[in-house]
Amino acid sequence: MLCRFYDPAAGRVMLDGVDVRAFEIEQLRSRITVLFPQSVHYNDTVRENISLGDLGAPPESITVAARAVGAEEIIARLPEGYDSTLGRWFADGTELSVGEWQRIALARACLRRAPILILDEPTGAMDPWAEADWLARFRELASGRTVLMISHRFSTAMFADVIHMMSEGRIVESGTHEQLLEADGRYAQAWATLQAAA
């Protein structure tokens, strides 16, 4: 609804106090970058895959975006670096792992310097080490932007300025990781269960 893929049947979605329906679609969407859990895999070069985030971006910003999300190490291992073809449509294409594709998609999302960044399970396909590396870089990446991050992982959620715990489509608790632990509600119970299982 924030992106206006569809409008609410009741109520309103507000952006800086303005109903999103008051914006022209192009104007609204130019202010938002979205990364869905199932990112698109473009059978093209690494450079083109990332540049699709912002076709007008200067070439050097592609390497900056890749470095910011930790994709540079993946790209360095490819036969032709940024000029390597990804995917299996072409004979010389290189297939990436799900987590590696996710890093390329994150670079594409970060290349586009929209003021609002929506990330749905951005670390879902990453192993714990890759996730920790990405999260360490993320604060700088998100600087000056509003980020909505949807995650089922505590390791991701605990870095948020404000966590909204949801149940059955409603926000049931809000606060920082520490505040929610102190409140001893659903978040704290889920955290305790996770710690006991570790």
Protein backbone atom coordinates (compact mmCIF):
# COMPACT_ATOMS: atom_id res chain seq x y z
CA MET A 1 0.00 0.00 0.00
CA LEU A 2 2.89 2.38 0.68
CA CYS A 3 4.04 1.89 -2.91
CA ARG A 4 0.43 2.10 -4.13
CA PHE A 5 0.38 -1.29 -5.76
CA TYR A 6 -3.13 -1.15 -4.33
CA ASP A 7 -5.04 1.27 -2.12
CA PRO A 8 -6.52 0.50 1.32
CA ALA A 9 -10.21 -0.41 1.49
CA ALA A 10 -10.43 1.60 4.71
CA GLY A 11 -8.15 4.08 6.44
CA ARG A 12 -5.21 5.95 4.94
CA VAL A 13 -1.48 5.52 4.42
CA MET A 14 0.30 8.77 5.27
CA LEU A 15 3.74 9.93 4.15
CA ASP A 16 4.97 13.04 5.99
CA GLY A 17 1.36 13.80 6.91
CA VAL A 18 0.11 13.49 3.31
CA ASP A 19 -2.15 10.71 2.07
CA VAL A 20 -0.11 8.72 -0.47
CA ARG A 21 -3.06 8.93 -2.87
CA ALA A 22 -2.35 12.68 -3.19
CA PHE A 23 0.98 11.97 -4.91
CA GLU A 24 1.39 11.19 -8.58
CA ILE A 25 2.39 7.51 -8.81
CA GLU A 26 5.75 8.32 -10.42
CA GLN A 27 6.48 11.01 -7.83
CA LEU A 28 5.66 8.67 -4.95
CA ARG A 29 7.61 5.71 -6.32
CA SER A 30 10.67 7.86 -7.05
CA ARG A 31 10.91 8.41 -3.29
CA ILE A 32 10.85 4.69 -2.43
CA THR A 33 13.19 1.76 -3.04
CA VAL A 34 11.82 -1.70 -2.28
CA LEU A 35 13.64 -5.01 -2.02
CA PHE A 36 11.29 -7.98 -1.86
CA PRO A 37 12.32 -11.39 -0.41
CA GLN A 38 12.43 -12.95 -3.88
CA SER A 39 14.67 -10.56 -5.77
CA VAL A 40 14.75 -10.52 -9.57
CA HIS A 41 17.72 -12.25 -11.19
CA TYR A 42 18.68 -10.42 -14.37
CA ASN A 43 20.64 -12.55 -16.84
CA ASP A 44 23.09 -9.79 -17.65
CA THR A 45 26.43 -8.54 -16.39
CA VAL A 46 26.99 -7.72 -12.74
CA ARG A 47 27.37 -4.06 -13.71
CA GLU A 48 24.00 -4.04 -15.51
CA ASN A 49 22.32 -5.95 -12.68
CA ILE A 50 23.32 -3.27 -10.18
CA SER A 51 22.85 -0.28 -12.51
CA LEU A 52 19.15 -1.13 -12.97
CA GLY A 53 18.65 0.38 -9.52
CA ASP A 54 19.35 3.83 -10.97
CA LEU A 55 20.02 4.05 -14.71
CA GLY A 56 21.30 7.61 -14.35
CA ALA A 57 23.86 6.86 -11.65
CA PRO A 58 27.54 7.51 -12.45
CA PRO A 59 29.54 4.31 -13.16
CA GLU A 60 31.74 4.64 -10.05
CA SER A 61 28.63 4.55 -7.82
CA ILE A 62 28.07 0.92 -8.86
CA THR A 63 31.29 -0.16 -7.14
CA VAL A 64 30.42 2.01 -4.12
CA ALA A 65 27.02 0.27 -3.81
CA ALA A 66 28.60 -3.19 -4.19
CA ARG A 67 31.20 -2.37 -1.53
CA ALA A 68 28.54 -0.99 0.83
CA VAL A 69 26.60 -4.27 0.91
CA GLY A 70 29.60 -6.61 0.87
CA ALA A 71 29.09 -7.81 -2.71
CA GLU A 72 32.56 -6.76 -3.80
CA GLU A 73 34.14 -10.02 -2.56
CA ILE A 74 31.61 -12.06 -4.57
CA ILE A 75 32.26 -9.99 -7.70
CA ALA A 76 36.05 -10.30 -7.30
CA ARG A 77 35.73 -14.11 -7.55
CA LEU A 78 33.84 -13.95 -10.87
CA PRO A 79 35.80 -14.59 -14.09
CA GLU A 80 35.38 -11.05 -15.46
CA GLY A 81 34.45 -9.16 -12.31
CA TYR A 82 31.77 -6.55 -12.97
CA ASP A 83 31.64 -7.59 -16.63
CA SER A 84 30.78 -11.22 -15.80
CA THR A 85 27.43 -12.41 -17.12
CA LEU A 86 25.14 -13.78 -14.42
CA GLY A 87 22.53 -16.50 -14.82
CA ARG A 88 22.25 -19.53 -17.08
CA TRP A 89 20.55 -18.01 -20.13
CA PHE A 90 23.93 -17.51 -21.79
CA ALA A 91 26.69 -20.10 -22.26
CA ASP A 92 29.25 -18.00 -20.37
CA GLY A 93 26.85 -17.11 -17.55
CA THR A 94 27.72 -17.75 -13.91
CA GLU A 95 24.97 -18.84 -11.54
CA LEU A 96 25.14 -17.38 -8.04
CA SER A 97 23.88 -18.83 -4.78
CA VAL A 98 20.64 -17.43 -3.37
CA GLY A 99 22.60 -15.39 -0.81
CA GLU A 100 24.95 -14.02 -3.50
CA TRP A 101 22.01 -12.98 -5.69
CA GLN A 102 20.58 -11.26 -2.63
CA ARG A 103 23.79 -9.23 -2.22
CA ILE A 104 23.58 -8.11 -5.86
CA ALA A 105 19.93 -7.14 -5.34
CA LEU A 106 20.89 -5.20 -2.19
CA ALA A 107 23.55 -3.33 -4.16
CA ARG A 108 20.92 -2.50 -6.79
CA ALA A 109 18.53 -1.22 -4.10
CA CYS A 110 21.25 0.83 -2.41
CA LEU A 111 22.43 2.38 -5.66
CA ARG A 112 19.09 4.14 -5.85
CA ARG A 113 19.34 6.88 -3.23
CA ALA A 114 15.61 7.15 -2.55
CA PRO A 115 14.79 8.66 0.85
CA ILE A 116 12.67 5.64 1.84
CA LEU A 117 14.12 2.14 1.74
CA ILE A 118 11.86 -0.87 2.32
CA LEU A 119 13.67 -4.17 2.84
CA ASP A 120 11.61 -7.33 3.23
CA GLU A 121 13.76 -10.08 4.80
CA PRO A 122 17.01 -8.62 3.37
CA THR A 123 19.20 -11.17 5.15
CA GLY A 124 16.86 -14.15 4.77
CA ALA A 125 19.16 -16.05 2.37
CA MET A 126 22.41 -15.11 4.13
CA ASP A 127 24.32 -17.30 6.52
CA PRO A 128 25.00 -15.80 9.99
CA TRP A 129 28.49 -14.56 9.02
CA ALA A 130 27.27 -12.81 5.86
CA GLU A 131 24.36 -11.33 7.81
CA ALA A 132 26.68 -9.97 10.53
CA ASP A 133 28.96 -8.46 7.88
CA TRP A 134 26.03 -6.78 6.11
CA LEU A 135 24.52 -5.46 9.34
CA ALA A 136 27.87 -3.93 10.32
CA ARG A 137 27.80 -1.93 7.08
CA PHE A 138 24.10 -1.12 7.20
CA ARG A 139 24.06 1.89 9.56
CA GLU A 140 26.26 3.89 7.22
CA LEU A 141 24.22 2.75 4.23
CA ALA A 142 20.95 3.84 5.86
CA SER A 143 22.26 7.19 7.06
CA GLY A 144 19.85 10.02 6.23
CA ARG A 145 17.15 7.64 5.01
CA THR A 146 14.01 6.14 6.47
CA VAL A 147 14.29 2.36 6.48
CA LEU A 148 11.43 -0.08 6.98
CA MET A 149 12.87 -3.53 7.47
CA ILE A 150 10.67 -6.60 7.75
CA SER A 151 12.43 -9.48 9.46
CA HIS A 152 11.73 -12.61 11.45
CA ARG A 153 15.33 -12.68 12.67
CA PHE A 154 16.18 -11.16 16.03
CA SER A 155 19.76 -10.71 14.85
CA THR A 156 18.45 -8.25 12.25
CA ALA A 157 15.61 -6.67 14.24
CA MET A 158 17.72 -5.83 17.29
CA PHE A 159 19.69 -3.24 15.23
CA ALA A 160 16.55 -1.17 14.54
CA ASP A 161 15.93 2.21 16.20
CA VAL A 162 12.33 1.10 16.78
CA ILE A 163 11.02 -2.46 16.58
CA HIS A 164 7.32 -3.06 15.99
CA MET A 165 6.27 -6.57 17.06
CA MET A 166 3.28 -7.72 15.04
CA SER A 167 0.70 -10.41 15.66
CA GLU A 168 -2.26 -11.20 13.41
CA GLY A 169 -1.66 -8.08 11.33
CA ARG A 170 -1.52 -5.66 14.26
CA ILE A 171 1.31 -3.96 16.12
CA VAL A 172 1.27 -5.35 19.66
CA GLU A 173 4.54 -3.87 21.01
CA SER A 174 6.99 -1.16 20.04
CA GLY A 175 10.37 -0.08 21.36
CA THR A 176 14.08 -0.76 21.15
CA HIS A 177 15.44 -4.26 21.69
CA GLU A 178 16.31 -3.40 25.32
CA GLN A 179 12.94 -1.74 26.01
CA LEU A 180 11.04 -4.73 24.64
CA LEU A 181 13.08 -7.14 26.73
CA GLU A 182 12.34 -5.07 29.84
CA ALA A 183 8.61 -4.97 28.98
CA ASP A 184 8.57 -8.79 29.23
CA GLY A 185 5.89 -9.14 26.55
CA ARG A 186 5.70 -11.25 23.41
CA TYR A 187 9.03 -10.03 22.06
CA ALA A 188 10.83 -10.87 25.32
CA GLN A 189 9.16 -14.29 25.45
CA ALA A 190 10.18 -15.08 21.86
CA TRP A 191 13.73 -13.87 22.62
CA ALA A 192 13.91 -16.06 25.76
CA THR A 193 12.72 -19.08 23.77
CA LEU A 194 15.38 -18.48 21.14
CA GLN A 195 18.12 -18.09 23.77
CA ALA A 196 17.04 -21.30 25.51
CA ALA A 197 17.21 -23.20 22.21
CA ALA A 198 20.69 -21.88 21.36
